């Protein structure tokens, strides 16, 4: 067996019942085959692959909290600090009822290479809880966040681990978390969390950043193909901050978004999601109802209960913005029948490995999520810089820096593909480019 196959087999044996983590391990390690073949002796000597798939630490803790009726509940909290070879751990916190250790390890592993692609000095981590904020009052969310931080504070710091928001963790939650951290440590370390409010150290365009960055990266891909966004139709999933930011930027650049989705189904708006409709997405997010049908009811468009847009809606570009594994092999087969030319992966690994392989084999351009959605963590990195240097950049300055970072990521990917004589396979290129920096740093720092 090859070195890569050996490591995949060993990792699978150590991580039973963790399909999401193993999916990303297989995808990354398979993609970096050219780099491993050129450096196998060095990598084996430094047990590089064995170390890179093993988190530095996995922290699991209980989170007791009281609801508004005086009843106590206990949830489980997580923080997986995966790799800090190139900088302090950096990665979001996710509050959703289906969060597990498997979810955190998968996301933390992806975050390591995503952060490497930004060219900013950030390692990879992820955390969260199986707490679901949907339908909870502000007081209940505050009490949960305070209890969560009562343990998390031991493991984070502005030079150690800097969490951010993710699904279920927005500005409200970050505020409660930061308030409790500040109280516990007795110090105003505003660089310990990103995604903060503007009144206490946040960055402009942070809520929009992932959607903006995804659109900027797509623009580079389309330029490579001699095209642009103007006049193209887009099918999106989700309706949270990521989809909202993407809608804003796509509309600004002349594209038209025709679908949004939620846990209850998807909407099809033939006239496009623009203007006041984009603003209404913020109201939907703030309502805590988590239902995309509200959009259809308000604007009189079609709603398809319990369905996804993938393979059901004809569009020029698909942009899944919701969650992992929302596009499976059956969806990919339907996409091919519709002739969808581009899949721009915005959520973390929204497409299964089998579906990606089928689409690529049939000429569909698939952009990798670790590159596409790096805009969010890149802007978090910019927030960290502003906090440490006591700066305050304008919206235009942050946006320009974000555009430059996303263009730089595309350039890095193309450079990696050229270095190994590969065609325009963006998935392989992103893994090769992200891996190189982390691997070089790990070897330089010795086996530890």
Protein backbone atom coordinates (compact mmCIF):
# COMPACT_ATOMS: atom_id res chain seq x y z
CA UNK A 1 0.00 0.00 0.00
CA UNK A 2 1.10 3.60 -0.58
CA UNK A 3 2.00 5.99 2.21
CA UNK A 4 -1.27 7.88 1.72
CA UNK A 5 -3.36 4.70 1.76
CA UNK A 6 -1.60 3.54 4.92
CA UNK A 7 -2.35 6.81 6.71
CA UNK A 8 -6.00 6.82 5.58
CA UNK A 9 -6.43 3.25 6.85
CA UNK A 10 -4.76 4.04 10.19
CA UNK A 11 -6.83 7.20 10.62
CA UNK A 12 -10.07 5.36 9.86
CA UNK A 13 -9.22 2.72 12.47
CA UNK A 14 -8.60 5.45 15.09
CA UNK A 15 -11.78 7.36 14.27
CA UNK A 16 -14.68 4.91 14.01
CA UNK A 17 -18.10 6.43 13.47
CA UNK A 18 -16.69 9.73 12.15
CA UNK A 19 -17.72 9.78 8.47
CA UNK A 20 -17.49 13.56 7.98
CA UNK A 21 -13.93 13.71 9.29
CA UNK A 22 -12.89 10.73 7.20
CA UNK A 23 -14.50 12.23 4.09
CA UNK A 24 -12.29 15.31 4.30
CA UNK A 25 -9.18 13.32 5.24
CA UNK A 26 -9.60 11.15 2.15
CA UNK A 27 -10.32 14.15 -0.07
CA UNK A 28 -7.29 16.14 1.11
CA UNK A 29 -4.77 13.30 1.21
CA UNK A 30 -5.80 11.98 -2.20
CA UNK A 31 -5.48 15.47 -3.70
CA UNK A 32 -1.94 15.98 -2.41
CA UNK A 33 -0.61 12.78 -4.01
CA UNK A 34 1.80 14.68 -6.34
CA UNK A 35 3.42 16.46 -3.37
CA UNK A 36 3.71 13.24 -1.38
CA UNK A 37 5.24 11.34 -4.30
CA UNK A 38 7.94 14.01 -4.69
CA UNK A 39 8.75 14.13 -0.96
CA UNK A 40 7.77 10.72 0.38
CA UNK A 41 11.05 9.95 2.15
CA UNK A 42 11.07 13.33 3.92
CA UNK A 43 7.41 13.07 4.87
CA UNK A 44 7.77 9.52 6.21
CA UNK A 45 10.84 10.48 8.23
CA UNK A 46 8.91 13.33 9.83
CA UNK A 47 5.68 11.25 10.19
CA UNK A 48 4.11 14.27 8.54
CA UNK A 49 0.82 12.81 7.31
CA UNK A 50 0.28 10.90 10.54
CA UNK A 51 0.66 14.17 12.48
CA UNK A 52 -1.33 16.37 10.12
CA UNK A 53 -4.49 14.22 10.45
CA UNK A 54 -4.29 14.11 14.27
CA UNK A 55 -5.63 17.15 16.19
CA UNK A 56 -3.29 18.76 18.70
CA UNK A 57 -6.09 18.42 21.24
CA UNK A 58 -9.81 17.68 21.46
CA UNK A 59 -11.68 19.36 24.29
CA UNK A 60 -15.18 18.18 25.32
CA UNK A 61 -17.07 19.71 28.23
CA UNK A 62 -20.56 19.96 29.69
CA UNK A 63 -22.59 23.18 29.49
CA UNK A 64 -25.43 23.47 32.04
CA UNK A 65 -27.86 26.34 31.58
CA UNK A 66 -31.29 27.42 32.79
CA UNK A 67 -34.27 28.25 30.54
CA UNK A 68 -36.80 31.00 31.22
CA UNK A 69 -39.03 28.59 33.17
CA UNK A 70 -36.28 27.83 35.66
CA UNK A 71 -35.60 24.37 34.18
CA UNK A 72 -31.96 23.30 33.82
CA UNK A 73 -30.54 21.67 30.68
CA UNK A 74 -27.13 20.19 29.90
CA UNK A 75 -25.50 20.43 26.49
CA UNK A 76 -22.09 19.34 25.28
CA UNK A 77 -19.39 21.83 24.28
CA UNK A 78 -16.41 21.21 21.98
CA UNK A 79 -13.18 22.85 20.90
CA UNK A 80 -10.88 20.94 18.53
CA UNK A 81 -7.51 22.68 18.18
CA UNK A 82 -6.22 20.98 15.10
CA UNK A 83 -2.97 22.59 14.00
CA UNK A 84 -1.02 25.72 14.96
CA UNK A 85 2.06 25.29 12.79
CA UNK A 86 1.62 28.64 11.03
CA UNK A 87 -0.13 30.68 13.73
CA UNK A 88 -2.53 30.59 16.69
CA UNK A 89 -5.61 28.42 16.30
CA UNK A 90 -8.41 30.15 14.42
CA UNK A 91 -11.88 28.89 13.59
CA UNK A 92 -15.54 29.40 14.32
CA UNK A 93 -17.98 28.27 16.97
CA UNK A 94 -21.12 26.50 15.75
CA UNK A 95 -24.31 26.12 17.82
CA UNK A 96 -26.60 23.51 16.24
CA UNK A 97 -28.39 20.49 17.59
CA UNK A 98 -26.52 18.08 15.30
CA UNK A 99 -23.01 19.22 16.30
CA UNK A 100 -20.76 16.29 17.25
CA UNK A 101 -17.06 15.64 17.71
CA UNK A 102 -17.04 14.31 14.14
CA UNK A 103 -18.38 17.66 12.90
CA UNK A 104 -15.76 19.62 14.83
CA UNK A 105 -12.85 17.47 13.64
CA UNK A 106 -13.95 17.67 10.02
CA UNK A 107 -14.31 21.44 10.18
CA UNK A 108 -11.06 21.94 12.12
CA UNK A 109 -9.08 19.88 9.62
CA UNK A 110 -10.55 21.89 6.72
CA UNK A 111 -9.88 25.13 8.58
CA UNK A 112 -6.16 24.35 8.78
CA UNK A 113 -5.74 24.42 5.01
CA UNK A 114 -8.29 27.20 4.44
CA UNK A 115 -6.40 29.49 6.80
CA UNK A 116 -3.13 28.59 5.12
CA UNK A 117 -4.54 29.73 1.76
CA UNK A 118 -5.31 33.22 3.11
CA UNK A 119 -1.54 33.81 3.60
CA UNK A 120 -2.36 35.15 7.08
CA UNK A 121 -0.61 33.57 10.12
CA UNK A 122 -3.50 31.48 11.44
CA UNK A 123 -3.74 27.83 12.44
CA UNK A 124 -6.88 25.70 12.28
CA UNK A 125 -9.52 24.96 14.93
CA UNK A 126 -13.28 24.58 15.33
CA UNK A 127 -15.69 24.46 18.22
CA UNK A 128 -19.29 24.71 19.27
CA UNK A 129 -22.13 22.89 20.96
CA UNK A 130 -25.22 20.78 20.28
CA UNK A 131 -27.25 23.70 21.70
CA UNK A 132 -29.86 25.01 19.24
CA UNK A 133 -30.50 28.78 19.61
CA UNK A 134 -33.58 28.62 17.35
CA UNK A 135 -36.63 29.75 19.29
CA UNK A 136 -34.64 30.61 22.42
CA UNK A 137 -35.05 33.98 24.11
CA UNK A 138 -32.17 36.43 24.36
CA UNK A 139 -31.92 35.67 28.08
CA UNK A 140 -31.68 31.91 27.44
CA UNK A 141 -28.99 32.40 24.79
CA UNK A 142 -27.08 34.71 27.14
CA UNK A 143 -27.15 32.19 29.99
CA UNK A 144 -26.00 29.41 27.68
CA UNK A 145 -23.16 31.51 26.23
CA UNK A 146 -21.98 32.49 29.71
CA UNK A 147 -21.93 28.86 30.84
CA UNK A 148 -20.15 27.82 27.62
CA UNK A 149 -17.46 30.46 28.16
CA UNK A 150 -16.99 29.38 31.79
CA UNK A 151 -15.04 26.43 30.38
CA UNK A 152 -13.89 27.68 26.97
CA UNK A 153 -11.95 30.61 28.43
CA UNK A 154 -9.30 28.18 29.75
CA UNK A 155 -8.36 27.16 26.23
CA UNK A 156 -8.40 30.41 24.23
CA UNK A 157 -6.50 33.71 24.10
CA UNK A 158 -5.38 36.31 21.55
CA UNK A 159 -2.07 34.51 21.00
CA UNK A 160 -3.36 30.98 21.52
CA UNK A 161 -6.79 30.38 19.99
CA UNK A 162 -9.15 33.00 18.55
CA UNK A 163 -12.71 31.70 17.94
CA UNK A 164 -15.23 33.42 15.67
CA UNK A 165 -18.88 32.94 14.81
CA UNK A 166 -20.31 30.23 12.60
CA UNK A 167 -23.77 28.71 12.09
CA UNK A 168 -25.97 29.64 15.05
CA UNK A 169 -23.38 32.05 16.40
CA UNK A 170 -23.85 35.63 15.24
CA UNK A 171 -23.18 39.05 16.71
CA UNK A 172 -25.54 38.46 19.64
CA UNK A 173 -23.80 35.27 20.72
CA UNK A 174 -20.29 36.71 20.21
CA UNK A 175 -21.26 39.66 22.41
CA UNK A 176 -22.43 37.44 25.26
CA UNK A 177 -19.35 35.21 24.92
CA UNK A 178 -16.96 38.16 24.95
CA UNK A 179 -18.69 39.79 27.91
CA UNK A 180 -18.28 36.62 29.98
CA UNK A 181 -14.66 36.10 28.89
CA UNK A 182 -13.80 39.69 29.87
CA UNK A 183 -15.41 39.23 33.27
CA UNK A 184 -13.59 35.95 33.99
CA UNK A 185 -10.07 36.99 32.95
CA UNK A 186 -10.36 40.55 34.23
CA UNK A 187 -8.71 41.97 31.12
CA UNK A 188 -9.98 43.64 27.93
CA UNK A 189 -8.45 41.21 25.42
CA UNK A 190 -10.59 42.22 22.46
CA UNK A 191 -8.44 40.11 20.13
CA UNK A 192 -9.69 36.85 21.69
CA UNK A 193 -12.86 36.66 19.57
CA UNK A 194 -13.68 37.94 16.09
CA UNK A 195 -17.05 38.83 14.65
CA UNK A 196 -17.53 41.39 17.41
CA UNK A 197 -19.84 44.39 17.21
CA UNK A 198 -18.44 47.62 15.79
CA UNK A 199 -18.77 49.34 19.17
CA UNK A 200 -16.15 47.05 20.75
CA UNK A 201 -13.56 46.15 18.14
CA UNK A 202 -15.41 44.54 15.23
CA UNK A 203 -14.59 44.89 11.55
CA UNK A 204 -16.74 46.41 8.84
CA UNK A 205 -18.23 43.93 6.29
CA UNK A 206 -17.49 40.94 8.58
CA UNK A 207 -21.09 39.62 8.34
CA UNK A 208 -20.99 39.90 4.54
CA UNK A 209 -17.38 38.71 4.17
CA UNK A 210 -17.87 35.00 3.41
CA UNK A 211 -20.50 35.72 0.76
CA UNK A 212 -18.47 38.60 -0.70
CA UNK A 213 -15.30 36.51 -0.75
CA UNK A 214 -17.08 33.57 -2.41
CA UNK A 215 -18.29 35.87 -5.16
CA UNK A 216 -14.85 37.45 -5.63
CA UNK A 217 -13.26 34.00 -5.93
CA UNK A 218 -15.90 32.93 -8.44
CA UNK A 219 -15.18 36.07 -10.44
CA UNK A 220 -11.52 35.02 -10.74
CA UNK A 221 -12.61 31.57 -11.93
CA UNK A 222 -14.96 33.04 -14.52
CA UNK A 223 -12.22 35.42 -15.72
CA UNK A 224 -9.98 32.39 -16.21
CA UNK A 225 -12.71 30.97 -18.44
CA UNK A 226 -13.16 34.26 -20.33
CA UNK A 227 -16.51 35.09 -18.67
CA UNK A 228 -17.94 37.20 -15.85
CA UNK A 229 -20.86 37.32 -13.41
CA UNK A 230 -23.01 39.86 -15.24
CA UNK A 231 -26.16 38.32 -16.71
CA UNK A 232 -25.75 34.92 -15.05
CA UNK A 233 -28.38 33.22 -12.90
CA UNK A 234 -27.51 31.71 -9.51
CA UNK A 235 -29.14 29.04 -7.36
CA UNK A 236 -28.21 29.47 -3.68
CA UNK A 237 -29.02 27.51 -0.54
CA UNK A 238 -29.43 29.00 2.92
CA UNK A 239 -30.61 32.49 3.85
CA UNK A 240 -28.20 33.43 6.65
CA UNK A 241 -25.25 35.80 6.61
CA UNK A 242 -23.33 33.84 3.96
CA UNK A 243 -26.18 33.68 1.45
CA UNK A 244 -27.09 37.29 2.28
CA UNK A 245 -23.56 38.51 1.54
CA UNK A 246 -23.45 36.50 -1.69
CA UNK A 247 -26.81 37.93 -2.82
CA UNK A 248 -25.59 41.48 -2.17
CA UNK A 249 -22.40 41.07 -4.18
CA UNK A 250 -23.94 39.01 -7.01
CA UNK A 251 -26.67 41.61 -7.45
CA UNK A 252 -24.10 44.43 -7.39
CA UNK A 253 -22.09 42.69 -10.14
CA UNK A 254 -25.12 42.14 -12.37
CA UNK A 255 -26.05 38.53 -11.60
CA UNK A 256 -29.47 37.23 -10.52
CA UNK A 257 -30.12 34.90 -7.56
CA UNK A 258 -33.27 32.81 -8.07
CA UNK A 259 -33.28 30.40 -5.09
CA UNK A 260 -32.80 30.44 -1.32
CA UNK A 261 -33.38 27.54 1.06
CA UNK A 262 -33.96 26.63 4.69
CA UNK A 263 -34.64 23.52 6.75
CA UNK A 264 -38.25 23.66 5.51
CA UNK A 265 -37.51 23.69 1.74
CA UNK A 266 -36.52 26.18 -0.96
CA UNK A 267 -38.03 29.19 -2.75
CA UNK A 268 -37.81 29.97 -6.46
CA UNK A 269 -37.99 33.67 -7.33
CA UNK A 270 -37.91 34.09 -11.12
CA UNK A 271 -37.58 37.88 -10.75
CA UNK A 272 -34.45 37.53 -8.61
CA UNK A 273 -33.48 38.19 -4.99
CA UNK A 274 -32.52 41.87 -4.99
CA UNK A 275 -33.20 45.21 -3.30
CA UNK A 276 -35.69 44.97 -0.43
CA UNK A 277 -35.76 41.18 -0.80
CA UNK A 278 -32.10 41.00 0.24
CA UNK A 279 -32.84 43.27 3.20
CA UNK A 280 -35.71 40.96 4.19
CA UNK A 281 -33.23 38.09 4.55
CA UNK A 282 -31.88 39.89 7.63
CA UNK A 283 -35.38 40.00 9.11
CA UNK A 284 -35.79 36.28 8.47
CA UNK A 285 -32.51 35.55 10.21
CA UNK A 286 -33.38 37.74 13.18
CA UNK A 287 -36.88 36.23 13.58
CA UNK A 288 -35.44 32.94 14.91
CA UNK A 289 -38.13 31.06 12.97
CA UNK A 290 -35.59 29.50 10.57
CA UNK A 291 -38.18 29.18 7.77
CA UNK A 292 -37.53 30.24 4.19
CA UNK A 293 -41.25 29.94 3.43
CA UNK A 294 -41.61 33.37 5.05
CA UNK A 295 -39.89 34.83 1.96
CA UNK A 296 -42.33 33.11 -0.40
CA UNK A 297 -45.30 34.29 1.64
CA UNK A 298 -44.10 37.89 1.63
CA UNK A 299 -43.08 38.19 -2.02
CA UNK A 300 -45.51 35.76 -3.66
CA UNK A 301 -43.03 33.37 -5.22
CA UNK A 302 -42.94 29.56 -5.38
CA UNK A 303 -42.05 27.47 -2.32
CA UNK A 304 -41.08 23.80 -2.48
CA UNK A 305 -41.49 22.17 0.92
CA UNK A 306 -38.92 19.62 2.03
CA UNK A 307 -36.85 19.94 -1.17
CA UNK A 308 -33.45 21.28 -2.23
CA UNK A 309 -32.80 23.33 -5.37
CA UNK A 310 -29.96 21.06 -6.56
CA UNK A 311 -30.94 19.34 -9.78
CA UNK A 312 -34.42 20.87 -9.66
CA UNK A 313 -33.60 24.41 -10.84
CA UNK A 314 -31.79 25.40 -14.00
CA UNK A 315 -29.15 28.07 -13.37
CA UNK A 316 -25.74 29.09 -14.67
CA UNK A 317 -24.04 28.65 -11.30
CA UNK A 318 -24.90 26.67 -8.19
CA UNK A 319 -23.73 28.12 -4.85
CA UNK A 320 -24.52 25.93 -1.81
CA UNK A 321 -24.22 28.28 1.19
CA UNK A 322 -25.87 26.21 3.93
CA UNK A 323 -24.09 23.13 5.28
CA UNK A 324 -21.93 20.08 4.63
CA UNK A 325 -23.01 17.21 2.36
CA UNK A 326 -26.13 18.93 1.02
CA UNK A 327 -25.26 17.82 -2.54
CA UNK A 328 -25.04 14.04 -2.87
CA UNK A 329 -24.50 11.72 -5.83
CA UNK A 330 -28.18 11.70 -6.83
CA UNK A 331 -28.20 15.52 -6.91
CA UNK A 332 -25.03 15.54 -9.03
CA UNK A 333 -26.64 13.20 -11.54
CA UNK A 334 -29.63 15.55 -11.86
CA UNK A 335 -27.28 18.53 -12.21
CA UNK A 336 -25.58 16.89 -15.17
CA UNK A 337 -28.93 16.36 -16.89
CA UNK A 338 -29.68 20.06 -16.45
CA UNK A 339 -26.26 21.02 -17.81
CA UNK A 340 -25.08 23.04 -14.79
CA UNK A 341 -21.57 24.27 -15.74
CA UNK A 342 -20.22 25.61 -12.40
CA UNK A 343 -20.56 24.53 -8.77
CA UNK A 344 -19.15 27.21 -6.46
CA UNK A 345 -18.89 25.54 -3.02
CA UNK A 346 -19.48 28.17 -0.35
CA UNK A 347 -20.45 26.08 2.70
CA UNK A 348 -17.85 23.78 4.26
CA UNK A 349 -17.66 20.70 1.99
CA UNK A 350 -21.29 20.90 0.82
CA UNK A 351 -20.71 18.18 -1.79
CA UNK A 352 -19.80 14.56 -1.10
CA UNK A 353 -16.57 13.20 -2.57
CA UNK A 354 -18.50 10.91 -4.93
CA UNK A 355 -20.61 13.79 -6.23
CA UNK A 356 -17.54 15.99 -6.81
CA UNK A 357 -15.78 13.19 -8.70
CA UNK A 358 -18.80 12.65 -10.96
CA UNK A 359 -19.19 16.35 -11.72
CA UNK A 360 -15.50 16.87 -12.46
CA UNK A 361 -15.40 13.78 -14.68
CA UNK A 362 -18.16 15.35 -16.76
CA UNK A 363 -16.54 18.74 -17.17
CA UNK A 364 -18.27 20.72 -14.41
CA UNK A 365 -16.01 23.30 -12.78
CA UNK A 366 -16.09 22.66 -9.02
CA UNK A 367 -14.55 25.31 -6.80
CA UNK A 368 -13.37 24.01 -3.38
CA UNK A 369 -15.02 25.35 -0.26
CA UNK A 370 -11.74 25.77 1.62
CA UNK A 371 -10.79 28.40 -0.97
CA UNK A 372 -14.21 29.84 -1.75
CA UNK A 373 -15.35 30.55 1.81
CA UNK A 374 -11.95 31.73 3.07
CA UNK A 375 -13.20 35.32 2.90
CA UNK A 376 -14.85 35.03 6.30
CA UNK A 377 -11.75 33.91 8.16
CA UNK A 378 -9.61 36.31 6.11
CA UNK A 379 -11.72 39.22 7.34
CA UNK A 380 -11.49 37.81 10.86
CA UNK A 381 -7.73 37.97 10.41
CA UNK A 382 -8.04 41.58 9.34
CA UNK A 383 -10.13 42.23 12.47
CA UNK A 384 -7.33 40.71 14.56
CA UNK A 385 -4.84 43.08 12.90
CA UNK A 386 -7.05 46.08 13.61
CA UNK A 387 -7.44 45.01 17.25
CA UNK A 388 -3.71 44.50 17.81
CA UNK A 389 -2.69 47.76 16.10
CA UNK A 390 -5.67 49.81 17.36
CA UNK A 391 -6.69 50.58 13.78
CA UNK A 392 -10.09 51.19 12.22
CA UNK A 393 -10.25 50.59 8.48
CA UNK A 394 -13.11 51.86 6.34
CA UNK A 395 -15.55 49.53 4.61
CA UNK A 396 -13.83 50.25 1.30
CA UNK A 397 -10.39 49.45 2.72
CA UNK A 398 -11.54 46.12 4.19
CA UNK A 399 -13.36 45.23 0.97
CA UNK A 400 -10.27 46.00 -1.13
CA UNK A 401 -8.08 43.87 1.13
CA UNK A 402 -10.62 41.02 0.91
CA UNK A 403 -10.67 41.20 -2.90
CA UNK A 404 -6.88 41.05 -2.92
CA UNK A 405 -6.83 38.02 -0.62
CA UNK A 406 -9.36 36.10 -2.73
CA UNK A 407 -7.44 36.88 -5.93
CA UNK A 408 -4.27 35.77 -4.16
CA UNK A 409 -5.89 32.45 -3.22
CA UNK A 410 -6.86 31.80 -6.84
CA UNK A 411 -3.33 32.71 -7.94
CA UNK A 412 -1.83 30.32 -5.35
CA UNK A 413 -4.03 27.50 -6.61
CA UNK A 414 -3.06 28.12 -10.22
CA UNK A 415 0.60 28.24 -9.17
CA UNK A 416 0.33 24.88 -7.41
CA UNK A 417 -1.36 23.32 -10.43
CA UNK A 418 1.34 24.65 -12.73
CA UNK A 419 4.08 23.39 -10.39
CA UNK A 420 2.75 19.83 -10.61
CA UNK A 421 1.71 19.95 -14.27
CA UNK A 422 -1.98 19.57 -13.50
CA UNK A 423 -4.98 20.89 -15.41
CA UNK A 424 -7.46 23.42 -13.96
CA UNK A 425 -8.57 21.16 -11.09
CA UNK A 426 -9.34 23.71 -8.41
CA UNK A 427 -10.06 21.12 -5.69
CA UNK A 428 -6.63 19.51 -6.07
CA UNK A 429 -4.91 22.88 -6.43
CA UNK A 430 -6.42 24.27 -3.22
CA UNK A 431 -5.34 21.23 -1.22
CA UNK A 432 -1.82 21.29 -2.67
CA UNK A 433 -1.39 25.02 -2.04
CA UNK A 434 -2.85 24.93 1.48
CA UNK A 435 -0.89 21.81 2.42
CA UNK A 436 2.53 23.11 1.36
CA UNK A 437 2.74 25.97 3.84
CA UNK A 438 1.53 23.85 6.77
CA UNK A 439 3.84 20.97 5.86
CA UNK A 440 6.90 23.21 5.51
CA UNK A 441 6.20 24.78 8.92
CA UNK A 442 5.66 21.42 10.63
CA UNK A 443 8.93 20.02 9.27
CA UNK A 444 10.86 23.17 10.21
CA UNK A 445 9.57 23.02 13.80
CA UNK A 446 10.52 19.38 14.39
CA UNK A 447 8.45 16.43 15.53
CA UNK A 448 6.32 17.58 18.45
